[in-house]
Amino acid sequence: SPEGGFDAMLQAAVCTSHWLRNVSRLLVFASDDVFHTAGDGRLGG
């Protein structure tokens, strides 16, 4: 049920080649479920 949205948000933020302008930066996160967070990765080793 939880999705990998946190991974996606972090990569979208730090891969800054597309965040070049000194402007208002909005990130719209659209989902219909909850999110995995730190520690959940252990389930997959």
All heavy atoms as atom14 arrays in JSON, in Angstrom:
{
  "sequence": "SPEGGFDAMLQAAVCTSHWLRNVSRLLVFASDDVFHTAGDGRLGG",
  "atom14_mask": [
    [1, 1, 1, 1, 1, 1, 0, 0, 0, 0, 0, 0, 0, 0],
    [1, 1, 1, 1, 1, 1, 1, 0, 0, 0, 0, 0, 0, 0],
    [1, 1, 1, 1, 1, 1, 1, 1, 1, 0, 0, 0, 0, 0],
    [1, 1, 1, 1, 0, 0, 0, 0, 0, 0, 0, 0, 0, 0],
    [1, 1, 1, 1, 0, 0, 0, 0, 0, 0, 0, 0, 0, 0],
    [1, 1, 1, 1, 1, 1, 1, 1, 1, 1, 1, 0, 0, 0],
    [1, 1, 1, 1, 1, 1, 1, 1, 0, 0, 0, 0, 0, 0],
    [1, 1, 1, 1, 1, 0, 0, 0, 0, 0, 0, 0, 0, 0],
    [1, 1, 1, 1, 1, 1, 1, 1, 0, 0, 0, 0, 0, 0],
    [1, 1, 1, 1, 1, 1, 1, 1, 0, 0, 0, 0, 0, 0],
    [1, 1, 1, 1, 1, 1, 1, 1, 1, 0, 0, 0, 0, 0],
    [1, 1, 1, 1, 1, 0, 0, 0, 0, 0, 0, 0, 0, 0],
    [1, 1, 1, 1, 1, 0, 0, 0, 0, 0, 0, 0, 0, 0],
    [1, 1, 1, 1, 1, 1, 1, 0, 0, 0, 0, 0, 0, 0],
    [1, 1, 1, 1, 1, 1, 0, 0, 0, 0, 0, 0, 0, 0],
    [1, 1, 1, 1, 1, 1, 1, 0, 0, 0, 0, 0, 0, 0],
    [1, 1, 1, 1, 1, 1, 0, 0, 0, 0, 0, 0, 0, 0],
    [1, 1, 1, 1, 1, 1, 1, 1, 1, 1, 0, 0, 0, 0],
    [1, 1, 1, 1, 1, 1, 1, 1, 1, 1, 1, 1, 1, 1],
    [1, 1, 1, 1, 1, 1, 1, 1, 0, 0, 0, 0, 0, 0],
    [1, 1, 1, 1, 1, 1, 1, 1, 1, 1, 1, 0, 0, 0],
    [1, 1, 1, 1, 1, 1, 1, 1, 0, 0, 0, 0, 0, 0],
    [1, 1, 1, 1, 1, 1, 1, 0, 0, 0, 0, 0, 0, 0],
    [1, 1, 1, 1, 1, 1, 0, 0, 0, 0, 0, 0, 0, 0],
    [1, 1, 1, 1, 1, 1, 1, 1, 1, 1, 1, 0, 0, 0],
    [1, 1, 1, 1, 1, 1, 1, 1, 0, 0, 0, 0, 0, 0],
    [1, 1, 1, 1, 1, 1, 1, 1, 0, 0, 0, 0, 0, 0],
    [1, 1, 1, 1, 1, 1, 1, 0, 0, 0, 0, 0, 0, 0],
    [1, 1, 1, 1, 1, 1, 1, 1, 1, 1, 1, 0, 0, 0],
    [1, 1, 1, 1, 1, 0, 0, 0, 0, 0, 0, 0, 0, 0],
    [1, 1, 1, 1, 1, 1, 0, 0, 0, 0, 0, 0, 0, 0],
    [1, 1, 1, 1, 1, 1, 1, 1, 0, 0, 0, 0, 0, 0],
    [1, 1, 1, 1, 1, 1, 1, 1, 0, 0, 0, 0, 0, 0],
    [1, 1, 1, 1, 1, 1, 1, 0, 0, 0, 0, 0, 0, 0],
    [1, 1, 1, 1, 1, 1, 1, 1, 1, 1, 1, 0, 0, 0],
    [1, 1, 1, 1, 1, 1, 1, 1, 1, 1, 0, 0, 0, 0],
    [1, 1, 1, 1, 1, 1, 1, 0, 0, 0, 0, 0, 0, 0],
    [1, 1, 1, 1, 1, 0, 0, 0, 0, 0, 0, 0, 0, 0],
    [1, 1, 1, 1, 0, 0, 0, 0, 0, 0, 0, 0, 0, 0],
    [1, 1, 1, 1, 1, 1, 1, 1, 0, 0, 0, 0, 0, 0],
    [1, 1, 1, 1, 0, 0, 0, 0, 0, 0, 0, 0, 0, 0],
    [1, 1, 1, 1, 1, 1, 1, 1, 1, 1, 1, 0, 0, 0],
    [1, 1, 1, 1, 1, 1, 1, 1, 0, 0, 0, 0, 0, 0],
    [1, 1, 1, 1, 0, 0, 0, 0, 0, 0, 0, 0, 0, 0],
    [1, 1, 1, 1, 0, 0, 0, 0, 0, 0, 0, 0, 0, 0]
  ],
  "atom14_positions": [
    [[0.8, -1.22, 0.0], [0.0, 0.0, 0.0], [0.84, 1.27, 0.0], [0.63, 2.15, -0.84], [-0.94, -0.01, 1.21], [-1.72, 1.16, 1.23], [0.0, 0.0, 0.0], [0.0, 0.0, 0.0], [0.0, 0.0, 0.0], [0.0, 0.0, 0.0], [0.0, 0.0, 0.0], [0.0, 0.0, 0.0], [0.0, 0.0, 0.0], [0.0, 0.0, 0.0]],
    [[1.83, 1.47, 0.91], [2.63, 2.7, 0.86], [3.42, 2.78, -0.44], [3.79, 1.76, -1.02], [3.56, 2.57, 2.07], [2.92, 1.56, 2.95], [2.22, 0.61, 2.03], [0.0, 0.0, 0.0], [0.0, 0.0, 0.0], [0.0, 0.0, 0.0], [0.0, 0.0, 0.0], [0.0, 0.0, 0.0], [0.0, 0.0, 0.0], [0.0, 0.0, 0.0]],
    [[3.69, 4.01, -0.88], [4.43, 4.22, -2.13], [5.79, 4.86, -1.84], [6.07, 5.28, -0.72], [3.62, 5.12, -3.08], [2.14, 4.85, -3.12], [1.76, 3.5, -3.72], [2.66, 2.7, -3.98], [0.57, 3.24, -3.92], [0.0, 0.0, 0.0], [0.0, 0.0, 0.0], [0.0, 0.0, 0.0], [0.0, 0.0, 0.0], [0.0, 0.0, 0.0]],
    [[6.6, 4.97, -2.87], [7.95, 5.52, -2.73], [8.02, 7.01, -2.98], [9.0, 7.5, -3.55], [0.0, 0.0, 0.0], [0.0, 0.0, 0.0], [0.0, 0.0, 0.0], [0.0, 0.0, 0.0], [0.0, 0.0, 0.0], [0.0, 0.0, 0.0], [0.0, 0.0, 0.0], [0.0, 0.0, 0.0], [0.0, 0.0, 0.0], [0.0, 0.0, 0.0]],
    [[7.04, 7.75, -2.53], [6.98, 9.17, -2.81], [8.1, 9.99, -2.19], [8.54, 10.99, -2.75], [0.0, 0.0, 0.0], [0.0, 0.0, 0.0], [0.0, 0.0, 0.0], [0.0, 0.0, 0.0], [0.0, 0.0, 0.0], [0.0, 0.0, 0.0], [0.0, 0.0, 0.0], [0.0, 0.0, 0.0], [0.0, 0.0, 0.0], [0.0, 0.0, 0.0]],
    [[8.61, 9.57, -1.01], [9.7, 10.31, -0.38], [10.98, 10.24, -1.21], [11.71, 11.23, -1.33], [9.96, 9.77, 1.03], [9.06, 10.33, 2.09], [7.87, 10.98, 1.76], [9.39, 10.23, 3.43], [7.03, 11.5, 2.73], [8.57, 10.75, 4.42], [7.39, 11.39, 4.07], [0.0, 0.0, 0.0], [0.0, 0.0, 0.0], [0.0, 0.0, 0.0]],
    [[11.26, 9.06, -1.77], [12.4, 8.94, -2.68], [12.25, 9.93, -3.83], [13.2, 10.62, -4.21], [12.48, 7.52, -3.25], [13.27, 6.56, -2.36], [13.97, 7.04, -1.44], [13.18, 5.34, -2.59], [0.0, 0.0, 0.0], [0.0, 0.0, 0.0], [0.0, 0.0, 0.0], [0.0, 0.0, 0.0], [0.0, 0.0, 0.0], [0.0, 0.0, 0.0]],
    [[11.06, 9.98, -4.4], [10.81, 10.83, -5.56], [10.95, 12.32, -5.22], [11.56, 13.09, -5.96], [9.41, 10.55, -6.12], [0.0, 0.0, 0.0], [0.0, 0.0, 0.0], [0.0, 0.0, 0.0], [0.0, 0.0, 0.0], [0.0, 0.0, 0.0], [0.0, 0.0, 0.0], [0.0, 0.0, 0.0], [0.0, 0.0, 0.0], [0.0, 0.0, 0.0]],
    [[10.38, 12.74, -4.08], [10.47, 14.15, -3.68], [11.91, 14.57, -3.47], [12.32, 15.67, -3.88], [9.66, 14.39, -2.41], [8.16, 14.27, -2.58], [7.26, 14.65, -1.06], [7.45, 16.43, -1.01], [0.0, 0.0, 0.0], [0.0, 0.0, 0.0], [0.0, 0.0, 0.0], [0.0, 0.0, 0.0], [0.0, 0.0, 0.0], [0.0, 0.0, 0.0]],
    [[12.7, 13.72, -2.81], [14.09, 14.07, -2.55], [14.87, 14.19, -3.85], [15.61, 15.16, -4.05], [14.74, 13.04, -1.62], [16.13, 13.41, -1.1], [16.32, 12.92, 0.33], [17.24, 12.85, -1.98], [0.0, 0.0, 0.0], [0.0, 0.0, 0.0], [0.0, 0.0, 0.0], [0.0, 0.0, 0.0], [0.0, 0.0, 0.0], [0.0, 0.0, 0.0]],
    [[14.71, 13.22, -4.75], [15.44, 13.29, -6.02], [14.99, 14.48, -6.86], [15.82, 15.16, -7.5], [15.25, 11.99, -6.8], [15.95, 10.78, -6.19], [17.45, 10.95, -6.13], [18.1, 11.24, -7.13], [18.02, 10.78, -4.94], [0.0, 0.0, 0.0], [0.0, 0.0, 0.0], [0.0, 0.0, 0.0], [0.0, 0.0, 0.0], [0.0, 0.0, 0.0]],
    [[13.7, 14.77, -6.85], [13.2, 15.93, -7.61], [13.78, 17.23, -7.07], [13.98, 18.19, -7.81], [11.68, 15.97, -7.55], [0.0, 0.0, 0.0], [0.0, 0.0, 0.0], [0.0, 0.0, 0.0], [0.0, 0.0, 0.0], [0.0, 0.0, 0.0], [0.0, 0.0, 0.0], [0.0, 0.0, 0.0], [0.0, 0.0, 0.0], [0.0, 0.0, 0.0]],
    [[14.06, 17.27, -5.75], [14.58, 18.49, -5.13], [16.08, 18.65, -5.35], [16.55, 19.75, -5.64], [14.27, 18.49, -3.63], [0.0, 0.0, 0.0], [0.0, 0.0, 0.0], [0.0, 0.0, 0.0], [0.0, 0.0, 0.0], [0.0, 0.0, 0.0], [0.0, 0.0, 0.0], [0.0, 0.0, 0.0], [0.0, 0.0, 0.0], [0.0, 0.0, 0.0]],
    [[16.85, 17.57, -5.2], [18.32, 17.7, -5.24], [18.89, 17.64, -6.64], [20.02, 18.09, -6.86], [19.0, 16.64, -4.35], [18.59, 16.8, -2.91], [18.72, 15.23, -4.84], [0.0, 0.0, 0.0], [0.0, 0.0, 0.0], [0.0, 0.0, 0.0], [0.0, 0.0, 0.0], [0.0, 0.0, 0.0], [0.0, 0.0, 0.0], [0.0, 0.0, 0.0]],
    [[18.16, 17.09, -7.59], [18.63, 17.1, -8.98], [18.26, 18.46, -9.58], [17.22, 18.61, -10.22], [18.02, 15.95, -9.76], [18.44, 14.32, -9.07], [0.0, 0.0, 0.0], [0.0, 0.0, 0.0], [0.0, 0.0, 0.0], [0.0, 0.0, 0.0], [0.0, 0.0, 0.0], [0.0, 0.0, 0.0], [0.0, 0.0, 0.0], [0.0, 0.0, 0.0]],
    [[19.11, 19.45, -9.3], [18.72, 20.86, -9.42], [18.88, 21.46, -10.81], [18.73, 22.66, -10.97], [19.54, 21.71, -8.44], [20.94, 21.49, -8.69], [19.22, 21.34, -7.0], [0.0, 0.0, 0.0], [0.0, 0.0, 0.0], [0.0, 0.0, 0.0], [0.0, 0.0, 0.0], [0.0, 0.0, 0.0], [0.0, 0.0, 0.0], [0.0, 0.0, 0.0]],
    [[19.21, 20.66, -11.8], [19.44, 21.24, -13.12], [18.19, 21.93, -13.67], [18.28, 22.84, -14.49], [19.89, 20.15, -14.11], [18.89, 19.14, -14.22], [0.0, 0.0, 0.0], [0.0, 0.0, 0.0], [0.0, 0.0, 0.0], [0.0, 0.0, 0.0], [0.0, 0.0, 0.0], [0.0, 0.0, 0.0], [0.0, 0.0, 0.0], [0.0, 0.0, 0.0]],
    [[16.99, 21.52, -13.19], [15.77, 22.15, -13.69], [15.26, 23.24, -12.75], [14.36, 23.98, -13.1], [14.67, 21.1, -13.91], [14.45, 20.17, -12.77], [15.29, 19.12, -12.5], [13.49, 20.14, -11.81], [14.86, 18.46, -11.44], [13.77, 19.06, -10.99], [0.0, 0.0, 0.0], [0.0, 0.0, 0.0], [0.0, 0.0, 0.0], [0.0, 0.0, 0.0]],
    [[15.87, 23.38, -11.55], [15.49, 24.46, -10.63], [16.51, 25.58, -10.77], [17.31, 25.83, -9.88], [15.47, 23.98, -9.18], [14.52, 22.86, -8.86], [14.84, 21.57, -8.6], [13.1, 22.95, -8.71], [13.72, 20.85, -8.32], [12.63, 21.66, -8.37], [12.16, 23.98, -8.84], [11.28, 21.37, -8.17], [10.83, 23.7, -8.64], [10.4, 22.41, -8.31]],
    [[16.5, 26.28, -11.86], [17.56, 27.25, -12.14], [17.16, 28.68, -11.8], [18.01, 29.51, -11.5], [17.98, 27.17, -13.62], [18.63, 25.84, -14.05], [18.94, 25.87, -15.53], [19.91, 25.62, -13.27], [0.0, 0.0, 0.0], [0.0, 0.0, 0.0], [0.0, 0.0, 0.0], [0.0, 0.0, 0.0], [0.0, 0.0, 0.0], [0.0, 0.0, 0.0]],
    [[15.88, 29.0, -11.86], [15.48, 30.4, -11.7], [15.28, 30.76, -10.23], [14.93, 29.93, -9.41], [14.16, 30.67, -12.45], [14.23, 30.39, -13.94], [13.06, 31.05, -14.66], [11.76, 30.6, -14.18], [10.6, 31.15, -14.56], [10.59, 32.15, -15.41], [9.45, 30.69, -14.08], [0.0, 0.0, 0.0], [0.0, 0.0, 0.0], [0.0, 0.0, 0.0]],
    [[15.5, 32.05, -9.93], [15.23, 32.58, -8.59], [13.76, 32.97, -8.54], [13.38, 34.12, -8.74], [16.12, 33.79, -8.33], [15.93, 34.34, -6.93], [15.24, 33.75, -6.1], [16.51, 35.49, -6.66], [0.0, 0.0, 0.0], [0.0, 0.0, 0.0], [0.0, 0.0, 0.0], [0.0, 0.0, 0.0], [0.0, 0.0, 0.0], [0.0, 0.0, 0.0]],
    [[12.9, 31.96, -8.27], [11.44, 32.14, -8.37], [10.76, 31.37, -7.25], [11.4, 30.7, -6.44], [10.93, 31.62, -9.73], [11.56, 32.35, -10.9], [11.17, 30.11, -9.87], [0.0, 0.0, 0.0], [0.0, 0.0, 0.0], [0.0, 0.0, 0.0], [0.0, 0.0, 0.0], [0.0, 0.0, 0.0], [0.0, 0.0, 0.0], [0.0, 0.0, 0.0]],
    [[9.42, 31.46, -7.18], [8.65, 30.6, -6.28], [8.65, 29.19, -6.84], [8.25, 28.96, -7.98], [7.2, 31.11, -6.17], [7.14, 32.31, -5.46], [0.0, 0.0, 0.0], [0.0, 0.0, 0.0], [0.0, 0.0, 0.0], [0.0, 0.0, 0.0], [0.0, 0.0, 0.0], [0.0, 0.0, 0.0], [0.0, 0.0, 0.0], [0.0, 0.0, 0.0]],
    [[9.1, 28.24, -6.03], [9.21, 26.85, -6.5], [8.15, 26.0, -5.8], [8.17, 25.85, -4.58], [10.61, 26.31, -6.19], [11.71, 27.07, -6.9], [13.08, 26.68, -6.41], [14.13, 27.33, -7.17], [15.43, 27.24, -6.89], [15.82, 26.51, -5.87], [16.32, 27.87, -7.63], [0.0, 0.0, 0.0], [0.0, 0.0, 0.0], [0.0, 0.0, 0.0]],
    [[7.24, 25.45, -6.58], [6.17, 24.62, -6.04], [6.37, 23.18, -6.51], [6.67, 22.94, -7.68], [4.81, 25.12, -6.53], [4.47, 26.59, -6.31], [3.08, 26.89, -6.86], [4.55, 26.95, -4.84], [0.0, 0.0, 0.0], [0.0, 0.0, 0.0], [0.0, 0.0, 0.0], [0.0, 0.0, 0.0], [0.0, 0.0, 0.0], [0.0, 0.0, 0.0]],
    [[6.19, 22.24, -5.59], [6.22, 20.83, -5.94], [4.87, 20.23, -5.56], [4.55, 20.13, -4.37], [7.36, 20.1, -5.23], [7.65, 18.67, -5.7], [9.12, 18.33, -5.45], [6.78, 17.64, -5.0], [0.0, 0.0, 0.0], [0.0, 0.0, 0.0], [0.0, 0.0, 0.0], [0.0, 0.0, 0.0], [0.0, 0.0, 0.0], [0.0, 0.0, 0.0]],
    [[4.07, 19.9, -6.56], [2.75, 19.31, -6.32], [2.91, 17.79, -6.26], [3.33, 17.15, -7.23], [1.75, 19.68, -7.43], [0.4, 19.02, -7.17], [1.59, 21.2, -7.51], [0.0, 0.0, 0.0], [0.0, 0.0, 0.0], [0.0, 0.0, 0.0], [0.0, 0.0, 0.0], [0.0, 0.0, 0.0], [0.0, 0.0, 0.0], [0.0, 0.0, 0.0]],
    [[2.61, 17.23, -5.1], [2.74, 15.79, -4.86], [1.35, 15.19, -4.87], [0.56, 15.4, -3.95], [3.42, 15.57, -3.51], [3.6, 14.14, -3.11], [4.77, 13.46, -3.4], [2.6, 13.46, -2.42], [4.95, 12.13, -3.0], [2.75, 12.14, -2.03], [3.93, 11.47, -2.33], [0.0, 0.0, 0.0], [0.0, 0.0, 0.0], [0.0, 0.0, 0.0]],
    [[1.02, 14.44, -5.94], [-0.33, 13.89, -6.1], [-0.31, 12.38, -5.86], [0.4, 11.65, -6.53], [-0.86, 14.19, -7.49], [0.0, 0.0, 0.0], [0.0, 0.0, 0.0], [0.0, 0.0, 0.0], [0.0, 0.0, 0.0], [0.0, 0.0, 0.0], [0.0, 0.0, 0.0], [0.0, 0.0, 0.0], [0.0, 0.0, 0.0], [0.0, 0.0, 0.0]],
    [[-1.1, 11.93, -4.87], [-1.13, 10.51, -4.54], [-2.45, 10.16, -3.88], [-3.15, 11.02, -3.34], [0.04, 10.16, -3.61], [0.04, 8.79, -3.27], [0.0, 0.0, 0.0], [0.0, 0.0, 0.0], [0.0, 0.0, 0.0], [0.0, 0.0, 0.0], [0.0, 0.0, 0.0], [0.0, 0.0, 0.0], [0.0, 0.0, 0.0], [0.0, 0.0, 0.0]],
    [[-2.78, 8.87, -3.91], [-3.98, 8.39, -3.22], [-3.63, 7.36, -2.16], [-4.45, 6.51, -1.8], [-4.97, 7.79, -4.24], [-4.45, 6.53, -4.9], [-3.22, 6.26, -4.77], [-5.23, 5.81, -5.53], [0.0, 0.0, 0.0], [0.0, 0.0, 0.0], [0.0, 0.0, 0.0], [0.0, 0.0, 0.0], [0.0, 0.0, 0.0], [0.0, 0.0, 0.0]],
    [[-2.38, 7.46, -1.65], [-1.95, 6.49, -0.65], [-0.9, 7.11, 0.27], [-0.49, 8.25, 0.08], [-1.4, 5.23, -1.31], [-1.81, 3.96, -0.57], [-1.83, 4.0, 0.69], [-2.09, 2.95, -1.23], [0.0, 0.0, 0.0], [0.0, 0.0, 0.0], [0.0, 0.0, 0.0], [0.0, 0.0, 0.0], [0.0, 0.0, 0.0], [0.0, 0.0, 0.0]],
    [[-0.47, 6.34, 1.26], [0.53, 6.8, 2.22], [1.93, 6.59, 1.65], [2.08, 6.22, 0.49], [0.38, 6.09, 3.58], [-0.9, 6.53, 4.25], [0.39, 4.57, 3.39], [0.0, 0.0, 0.0], [0.0, 0.0, 0.0], [0.0, 0.0, 0.0], [0.0, 0.0, 0.0], [0.0, 0.0, 0.0], [0.0, 0.0, 0.0], [0.0, 0.0, 0.0]],
    [[2.95, 6.8, 2.45], [4.33, 6.84, 1.97], [5.22, 5.97, 2.84], [5.01, 5.81, 4.04], [4.84, 8.27, 2.03], [4.45, 9.0, 3.29], [5.18, 8.85, 4.46], [3.3, 9.79, 3.32], [4.79, 9.48, 5.63], [2.91, 10.43, 4.49], [3.66, 10.28, 5.64], [0.0, 0.0, 0.0], [0.0, 0.0, 0.0], [0.0, 0.0, 0.0]],
    [[6.24, 5.4, 2.21], [7.3, 4.74, 2.95], [8.25, 5.8, 3.51], [8.44, 6.86, 2.9], [8.11, 3.81, 2.04], [7.44, 2.49, 1.77], [7.19, 1.57, 2.76], [6.99, 1.94, 0.6], [6.62, 0.49, 2.23], [6.48, 0.69, 0.93], [0.0, 0.0, 0.0], [0.0, 0.0, 0.0], [0.0, 0.0, 0.0], [0.0, 0.0, 0.0]],
    [[8.85, 5.51, 4.67], [9.81, 6.44, 5.25], [11.03, 5.66, 5.76], [11.1, 4.44, 5.61], [9.17, 7.26, 6.39], [10.08, 8.27, 6.82], [8.78, 6.37, 7.56], [0.0, 0.0, 0.0], [0.0, 0.0, 0.0], [0.0, 0.0, 0.0], [0.0, 0.0, 0.0], [0.0, 0.0, 0.0], [0.0, 0.0, 0.0], [0.0, 0.0, 0.0]],
    [[12.0, 6.38, 6.32], [13.26, 5.77, 6.76], [13.01, 4.57, 7.66], [12.19, 4.61, 8.57], [14.11, 6.81, 7.49], [0.0, 0.0, 0.0], [0.0, 0.0, 0.0], [0.0, 0.0, 0.0], [0.0, 0.0, 0.0], [0.0, 0.0, 0.0], [0.0, 0.0, 0.0], [0.0, 0.0, 0.0], [0.0, 0.0, 0.0], [0.0, 0.0, 0.0]],
    [[13.71, 3.49, 7.38], [13.56, 2.24, 8.13], [12.76, 1.2, 7.38], [12.99, -0.01, 7.55], [0.0, 0.0, 0.0], [0.0, 0.0, 0.0], [0.0, 0.0, 0.0], [0.0, 0.0, 0.0], [0.0, 0.0, 0.0], [0.0, 0.0, 0.0], [0.0, 0.0, 0.0], [0.0, 0.0, 0.0], [0.0, 0.0, 0.0], [0.0, 0.0, 0.0]],
    [[11.83, 1.66, 6.52], [11.03, 0.7, 5.75], [11.88, -0.07, 4.75], [11.51, -1.18, 4.33], [9.91, 1.43, 5.0], [8.82, 1.94, 5.94], [8.9, 1.65, 7.14], [7.91, 2.64, 5.46], [0.0, 0.0, 0.0], [0.0, 0.0, 0.0], [0.0, 0.0, 0.0], [0.0, 0.0, 0.0], [0.0, 0.0, 0.0], [0.0, 0.0, 0.0]],
    [[13.01, 0.49, 4.34], [13.86, -0.18, 3.36], [14.4, -1.51, 3.86], [14.76, -2.38, 3.06], [0.0, 0.0, 0.0], [0.0, 0.0, 0.0], [0.0, 0.0, 0.0], [0.0, 0.0, 0.0], [0.0, 0.0, 0.0], [0.0, 0.0, 0.0], [0.0, 0.0, 0.0], [0.0, 0.0, 0.0], [0.0, 0.0, 0.0], [0.0, 0.0, 0.0]],
    [[14.43, -1.69, 5.17], [14.96, -2.93, 5.72], [14.12, -4.14, 5.32], [14.62, -5.27, 5.29], [15.04, -2.83, 7.24], [16.01, -1.76, 7.72], [16.22, -1.77, 9.2], [17.2, -0.78, 9.62], [17.73, -0.69, 10.82], [17.35, -1.56, 11.75], [18.62, 0.23, 11.1], [0.0, 0.0, 0.0], [0.0, 0.0, 0.0], [0.0, 0.0, 0.0]],
    [[12.84, -3.9, 5.04], [11.99, -5.0, 4.58], [12.52, -5.59, 3.28], [12.33, -6.77, 3.0], [10.56, -4.5, 4.38], [9.82, -4.03, 5.63], [8.5, -3.38, 5.24], [9.57, -5.22, 6.56], [0.0, 0.0, 0.0], [0.0, 0.0, 0.0], [0.0, 0.0, 0.0], [0.0, 0.0, 0.0], [0.0, 0.0, 0.0], [0.0, 0.0, 0.0]],
    [[13.2, -4.77, 2.49], [13.77, -5.24, 1.23], [15.27, -5.44, 1.3], [15.94, -5.52, 0.26], [0.0, 0.0, 0.0], [0.0, 0.0, 0.0], [0.0, 0.0, 0.0], [0.0, 0.0, 0.0], [0.0, 0.0, 0.0], [0.0, 0.0, 0.0], [0.0, 0.0, 0.0], [0.0, 0.0, 0.0], [0.0, 0.0, 0.0], [0.0, 0.0, 0.0]],
    [[15.81, -5.5, 2.54], [17.25, -5.72, 2.71], [18.08, -4.48, 2.42], [19.27, -4.59, 2.12], [0.0, 0.0, 0.0], [0.0, 0.0, 0.0], [0.0, 0.0, 0.0], [0.0, 0.0, 0.0], [0.0, 0.0, 0.0], [0.0, 0.0, 0.0], [0.0, 0.0, 0.0], [0.0, 0.0, 0.0], [0.0, 0.0, 0.0], [0.0, 0.0, 0.0]]
  ]
}
